[in-house]
Amino acid sequence: MASTTAKKGKVEKTFDELLDELQNSPSEKVRYNAARMLGELGDPAAVEPLIDVLINDKNGSVRLYAARALGELGDARATQPLIDALVNDRNVDVRVRAARALGRLGGEEVVLPLVEALSDTNSQVCVTAADALVEIGPVAVNPLITSLKHEKVNVRCDSARALGELGDARAVAPLVDLLTDEWVNVRIYAVQSLGKLGDKRAVPALIKVLQNAEENDLVRAGSAQALGLIKDQRALLPLRDLIMAADELGEIEDTALKAYKMIMAANWKSVPGANYKKAAAK
């Protein structure tokens, strides 16, 4: 029989002892420690008892560790109970742990609940749900693209961020469309993600943002940074014009200069005049 060792007192406990503590101890501390250790043991026989605790235990800490343990065990039987916890549990920490566990479990059926969790009233749940979607991978891309049109600002922000992390080219055009969003934070995440995607199709739109003097400074600086990451020669002249027009270098101009140098370093062989010494020697 599998056993584990408690940190305090070095007392070894068998699976059956931990299970008994999980189900019967009047102490919430004993119950959540039992849930934690059962997850670490990795025995699939713990899945159903942990699901029962996740659903029925009155203590939030115990439900939290049950969700964590179910994520560690990685058993598909826990998927729907974890979805229910993500959607309905009144405890924020339980919803966070449920989102994290669902990211580890994966599968198409967890994508929509996690996308919907992007509109949770708690920002930590929203961020964790977005991170879980990134962990799930390509199957999350289309639902996230749909979420870019969500009425809630934080959903659009978290969806844009997640799409940048996923690195899927399907997100380029929808993120470009997001550059005209009414909210500054949404536009910031859009330019950042376009930079991470590194797709040259975004260059004209990013240049337009860079050249828009009425745009928010953080959005313009983010656009300059994105152009530097994409390293397309078309951005050289707009970046140079921006730098040369400034009396002194502020945040936008400083970022533009760094981007200019990055693009030059990547394209020096093909930039006109870069090989002038070699040409003169002929």
Protein backbone atom coordinates (compact mmCIF):
# COMPACT_ATOMS: atom_id res chain seq x y z
CA MET A 1 0.00 0.00 0.00
CA ALA A 2 1.32 3.41 -0.94
CA SER A 3 2.25 5.74 1.85
CA THR A 4 3.48 9.28 2.35
CA THR A 5 5.40 11.14 5.01
CA ALA A 6 4.01 14.19 6.77
CA LYS A 7 6.38 17.15 6.97
CA LYS A 8 5.83 17.56 10.68
CA GLY A 9 6.63 14.62 12.90
CA LYS A 10 7.80 12.43 9.99
CA VAL A 11 4.74 10.20 10.38
CA GLU A 12 4.15 7.87 7.45
CA LYS A 13 0.52 7.46 6.41
CA THR A 14 -0.94 4.90 4.09
CA PHE A 15 -3.39 5.64 1.32
CA ASP A 16 -6.24 4.22 3.41
CA GLU A 17 -5.32 6.36 6.41
CA LEU A 18 -5.23 9.49 4.28
CA LEU A 19 -8.53 8.58 2.70
CA ASP A 20 -10.10 8.11 6.12
CA GLU A 21 -8.80 11.51 7.23
CA LEU A 22 -10.09 13.16 4.07
CA GLN A 23 -13.58 11.75 4.51
CA ASN A 24 -14.01 11.67 8.27
CA SER A 25 -11.75 14.06 10.15
CA PRO A 26 -13.54 16.97 11.89
CA SER A 27 -10.40 19.09 11.39
CA GLU A 28 -10.31 21.12 8.18
CA LYS A 29 -6.52 21.23 8.39
CA VAL A 30 -6.30 17.45 8.54
CA ARG A 31 -8.71 17.11 5.63
CA TYR A 32 -6.92 19.54 3.33
CA ASN A 33 -3.53 18.05 4.16
CA ALA A 34 -4.95 14.62 3.35
CA ALA A 35 -6.24 15.96 0.01
CA ARG A 36 -2.85 17.47 -0.76
CA MET A 37 -0.97 14.26 0.03
CA LEU A 38 -3.40 12.10 -1.93
CA GLY A 39 -2.69 14.22 -4.98
CA GLU A 40 1.04 13.75 -4.45
CA LEU A 41 0.67 9.97 -4.14
CA GLY A 42 -0.78 9.74 -7.65
CA ASP A 43 -3.16 6.86 -6.94
CA PRO A 44 -6.23 7.00 -9.26
CA ALA A 45 -8.29 5.39 -6.49
CA ALA A 46 -8.31 8.84 -4.83
CA VAL A 47 -10.14 10.51 -7.73
CA GLU A 48 -13.73 9.73 -6.72
CA PRO A 49 -13.25 10.60 -3.02
CA LEU A 50 -11.55 13.86 -3.98
CA ILE A 51 -14.41 14.69 -6.36
CA ASP A 52 -16.87 14.10 -3.52
CA VAL A 53 -14.90 16.46 -1.30
CA LEU A 54 -14.67 19.08 -4.05
CA ILE A 55 -18.44 19.02 -4.39
CA ASN A 56 -19.57 18.61 -0.81
CA ASP A 57 -16.98 19.79 1.73
CA LYS A 58 -18.10 23.00 3.42
CA ASN A 59 -14.59 24.32 3.91
CA GLY A 60 -13.06 26.32 1.05
CA SER A 61 -9.48 25.30 1.86
CA VAL A 62 -10.38 21.63 1.67
CA ARG A 63 -12.13 22.12 -1.68
CA LEU A 64 -9.11 24.08 -2.89
CA TYR A 65 -6.70 21.25 -2.15
CA ALA A 66 -9.11 18.73 -3.61
CA ALA A 67 -9.12 20.71 -6.88
CA ARG A 68 -5.34 20.92 -6.81
CA ALA A 69 -5.02 17.18 -6.18
CA LEU A 70 -7.40 16.35 -9.02
CA GLY A 71 -5.30 18.43 -11.38
CA GLU A 72 -2.18 16.57 -10.29
CA LEU A 73 -3.88 13.20 -10.76
CA GLY A 74 -4.92 14.19 -14.30
CA ASP A 75 -7.92 11.88 -14.47
CA ALA A 76 -10.67 12.79 -16.96
CA ARG A 77 -13.33 11.80 -14.43
CA ALA A 78 -12.59 15.05 -12.64
CA THR A 79 -13.24 17.27 -15.67
CA GLN A 80 -16.94 18.03 -15.15
CA PRO A 81 -16.71 18.45 -11.36
CA LEU A 82 -13.82 20.89 -11.86
CA ILE A 83 -15.83 22.78 -14.48
CA ASP A 84 -18.71 23.01 -12.01
CA ALA A 85 -16.33 24.30 -9.35
CA LEU A 86 -14.91 26.88 -11.75
CA VAL A 87 -18.36 28.14 -12.61
CA ASN A 88 -20.19 27.88 -9.31
CA ASP A 89 -17.88 27.77 -6.29
CA ARG A 90 -18.26 30.86 -4.13
CA ASN A 91 -14.63 30.69 -3.01
CA VAL A 92 -12.25 32.57 -5.32
CA ASP A 93 -9.27 30.37 -4.48
CA VAL A 94 -11.24 27.25 -5.38
CA ARG A 95 -12.16 28.74 -8.75
CA VAL A 96 -8.51 29.63 -9.36
CA ARG A 97 -7.37 26.10 -8.53
CA ALA A 98 -10.14 24.61 -10.65
CA ALA A 99 -9.03 26.70 -13.63
CA ARG A 100 -5.43 25.63 -13.15
CA ALA A 101 -6.43 21.98 -12.86
CA LEU A 102 -8.53 22.17 -16.03
CA GLY A 103 -5.54 23.57 -17.89
CA ARG A 104 -3.59 20.49 -16.88
CA LEU A 105 -6.41 18.13 -17.83
CA GLY A 106 -6.97 19.76 -21.23
CA GLY A 107 -9.47 18.62 -23.83
CA GLU A 108 -11.99 20.50 -25.97
CA GLU A 109 -14.71 20.31 -23.33
CA VAL A 110 -12.77 22.54 -20.91
CA VAL A 111 -12.11 25.34 -23.41
CA LEU A 112 -15.50 27.06 -23.37
CA PRO A 113 -15.84 27.07 -19.55
CA LEU A 114 -12.35 28.55 -19.29
CA VAL A 115 -13.16 31.19 -21.92
CA GLU A 116 -16.31 32.08 -19.99
CA ALA A 117 -14.20 32.30 -16.82
CA LEU A 118 -12.33 35.18 -18.44
CA SER A 119 -15.33 37.27 -17.39
CA ASP A 120 -15.18 36.13 -13.74
CA THR A 121 -15.68 38.90 -11.20
CA ASN A 122 -12.22 38.17 -9.77
CA SER A 123 -9.17 39.17 -11.81
CA GLN A 124 -7.04 36.30 -10.48
CA VAL A 125 -9.55 33.79 -11.81
CA CYS A 126 -9.53 35.56 -15.19
CA VAL A 127 -5.73 35.51 -15.46
CA THR A 128 -5.50 31.88 -14.36
CA ALA A 129 -8.16 30.88 -16.88
CA ALA A 130 -6.20 32.62 -19.64
CA ASP A 131 -3.01 30.84 -18.57
CA ALA A 132 -4.89 27.53 -18.57
CA LEU A 133 -6.05 28.16 -22.12
CA VAL A 134 -2.46 28.79 -23.15
CA GLU A 135 -1.46 25.48 -21.55
CA ILE A 136 -4.22 23.66 -23.45
CA GLY A 137 -2.83 24.87 -26.77
CA PRO A 138 -4.18 25.16 -30.35
CA VAL A 139 -7.68 23.89 -29.57
CA ALA A 140 -8.24 27.08 -27.56
CA VAL A 141 -7.38 29.48 -30.41
CA ASN A 142 -10.77 29.81 -32.12
CA PRO A 143 -12.75 30.29 -28.88
CA LEU A 144 -10.24 32.92 -27.81
CA ILE A 145 -10.56 34.71 -31.14
CA THR A 146 -14.33 34.78 -30.64
CA SER A 147 -13.75 36.24 -27.16
CA LEU A 148 -11.91 39.22 -28.66
CA LYS A 149 -15.39 40.62 -29.38
CA HIS A 150 -16.70 40.04 -25.86
CA GLU A 151 -18.52 42.97 -24.27
CA LYS A 152 -16.30 42.88 -21.17
CA VAL A 153 -12.96 44.67 -21.42
CA ASN A 154 -11.04 42.23 -19.24
CA VAL A 155 -12.15 39.31 -21.41
CA ARG A 156 -10.83 41.04 -24.54
CA CYS A 157 -7.56 41.84 -22.73
CA ASP A 158 -6.99 38.32 -21.42
CA SER A 159 -7.98 36.75 -24.73
CA ALA A 160 -5.54 38.98 -26.62
CA ARG A 161 -2.74 38.16 -24.18
CA ALA A 162 -3.41 34.43 -24.39
CA LEU A 163 -3.41 34.48 -28.19
CA GLY A 164 0.01 36.10 -28.17
CA GLU A 165 1.34 33.35 -25.93
CA LEU A 166 -0.19 30.62 -28.09
CA GLY A 167 1.65 31.87 -31.18
CA ASP A 168 -0.97 30.79 -33.71
CA ALA A 169 -1.08 32.76 -36.98
CA ARG A 170 -4.89 32.53 -37.06
CA ALA A 171 -4.93 35.28 -34.45
CA VAL A 172 -3.11 37.90 -36.54
CA ALA A 173 -6.06 39.44 -38.40
CA PRO A 174 -8.40 39.44 -35.36
CA LEU A 175 -5.71 41.10 -33.25
CA VAL A 176 -5.14 43.72 -35.96
CA ASP A 177 -8.88 44.47 -35.82
CA LEU A 178 -8.48 44.96 -32.07
CA LEU A 179 -6.12 47.90 -32.64
CA THR A 180 -9.18 50.12 -33.00
CA ASP A 181 -10.79 48.96 -29.75
CA GLU A 182 -12.15 51.81 -27.65
CA TRP A 183 -10.18 50.72 -24.56
CA VAL A 184 -6.47 51.52 -24.21
CA ASN A 185 -5.62 48.34 -22.27
CA VAL A 186 -7.11 46.19 -25.02
CA ARG A 187 -5.03 47.95 -27.67
CA ILE A 188 -1.90 47.54 -25.54
CA TYR A 189 -2.40 43.78 -25.28
CA ALA A 190 -3.15 43.64 -29.01
CA VAL A 191 0.14 45.29 -30.06
CA GLN A 192 2.11 43.20 -27.57
CA SER A 193 0.62 39.97 -28.88
CA LEU A 194 1.18 40.95 -32.49
CA GLY A 195 4.83 41.45 -31.63
CA LYS A 196 5.00 38.00 -30.06
CA LEU A 197 3.35 36.43 -33.09
CA GLY A 198 5.99 38.02 -35.33
CA ASP A 199 3.81 37.91 -38.44
CA LYS A 200 4.65 40.49 -41.12
CA ARG A 201 1.01 40.87 -42.09
CA ALA A 202 0.61 43.05 -39.00
CA VAL A 203 3.30 45.55 -40.04
CA PRO A 204 1.13 48.09 -41.95
CA ALA A 205 -1.39 48.28 -39.10
CA LEU A 206 1.35 48.64 -36.48
CA ILE A 207 3.00 51.42 -38.50
CA LYS A 208 -0.33 53.21 -38.65
CA VAL A 209 -0.61 53.01 -34.87
CA LEU A 210 2.96 54.25 -34.48
CA GLN A 211 2.31 57.27 -36.69
CA ASN A 212 -0.96 58.23 -35.01
CA ALA A 213 -0.06 61.19 -32.79
CA GLU A 214 -3.48 61.02 -31.12
CA GLU A 215 -2.95 57.43 -29.97
CA ASN A 216 -2.02 56.64 -26.36
CA ASP A 217 1.74 56.74 -25.76
CA LEU A 218 1.85 53.22 -24.31
CA VAL A 219 0.07 51.83 -27.35
CA ARG A 220 2.45 53.62 -29.72
CA ALA A 221 5.49 52.46 -27.75
CA GLY A 222 4.10 48.93 -27.78
CA SER A 223 3.67 49.18 -31.52
CA ALA A 224 7.28 50.26 -31.94
CA GLN A 225 8.42 47.34 -29.80
CA ALA A 226 6.28 44.95 -31.83
CA LEU A 227 7.79 46.23 -35.06
CA GLY A 228 11.23 45.62 -33.64
CA LEU A 229 10.31 42.03 -32.86
CA ILE A 230 8.87 41.43 -36.34
CA LYS A 231 12.00 42.95 -37.97
CA ASP A 232 10.39 44.00 -41.25
CA GLN A 233 12.27 46.63 -43.28
CA ARG A 234 9.07 48.54 -44.02
CA ALA A 235 9.15 49.85 -40.46
CA LEU A 236 12.61 51.43 -40.75
CA LEU A 237 11.57 54.75 -42.33
CA PRO A 238 8.53 55.33 -40.05
CA LEU A 239 10.65 54.57 -36.99
CA ARG A 240 13.44 56.85 -38.22
CA ASP A 241 11.00 59.69 -38.94
CA LEU A 242 9.54 59.38 -35.45
CA ILE A 243 12.98 59.52 -33.84
CA MET A 244 14.24 62.43 -35.95
CA ALA A 245 11.13 64.52 -35.35
CA ALA A 246 11.59 64.51 -31.58
CA ASP A 247 13.42 67.28 -29.74
CA GLU A 248 14.42 64.73 -27.12
CA LEU A 249 13.90 61.01 -26.74
CA GLY A 250 10.88 60.09 -24.64
CA GLU A 251 9.55 56.59 -24.03
CA ILE A 252 8.11 56.25 -27.53
CA GLU A 253 11.23 57.50 -29.27
CA ASP A 254 13.52 55.41 -27.07
CA THR A 255 11.53 52.28 -27.86
CA ALA A 256 11.48 53.24 -31.55
CA LEU A 257 15.27 53.59 -31.54
CA LYS A 258 15.71 50.14 -30.03
CA ALA A 259 13.31 48.71 -32.58
CA TYR A 260 15.16 50.49 -35.41
CA LYS A 261 18.45 48.95 -34.28
CA MET A 262 16.88 45.49 -34.06
CA ILE A 263 15.53 45.71 -37.59
CA MET A 264 18.82 47.06 -38.97
CA ALA A 265 20.75 44.25 -37.26
CA ALA A 266 18.46 41.66 -38.81
CA ASN A 267 18.46 43.17 -42.31
CA TRP A 268 21.81 44.91 -42.71
CA LYS A 269 22.79 42.88 -45.76
CA SER A 270 19.76 44.00 -47.73
CA VAL A 271 19.39 47.60 -46.52
CA PRO A 272 20.56 50.08 -49.23
CA GLY A 273 24.01 51.43 -48.40
CA ALA A 274 24.81 48.74 -45.85
CA ASN A 275 27.40 47.18 -48.13
CA TYR A 276 28.93 50.41 -49.36
CA LYS A 277 32.49 49.43 -48.34
CA LYS A 278 32.30 46.22 -50.30
CA ALA A 279 30.90 48.08 -53.32
CA ALA A 280 33.62 50.72 -53.17
CA ALA A 281 36.35 48.12 -53.11
CA LYS A 282 35.28 46.67 -56.46
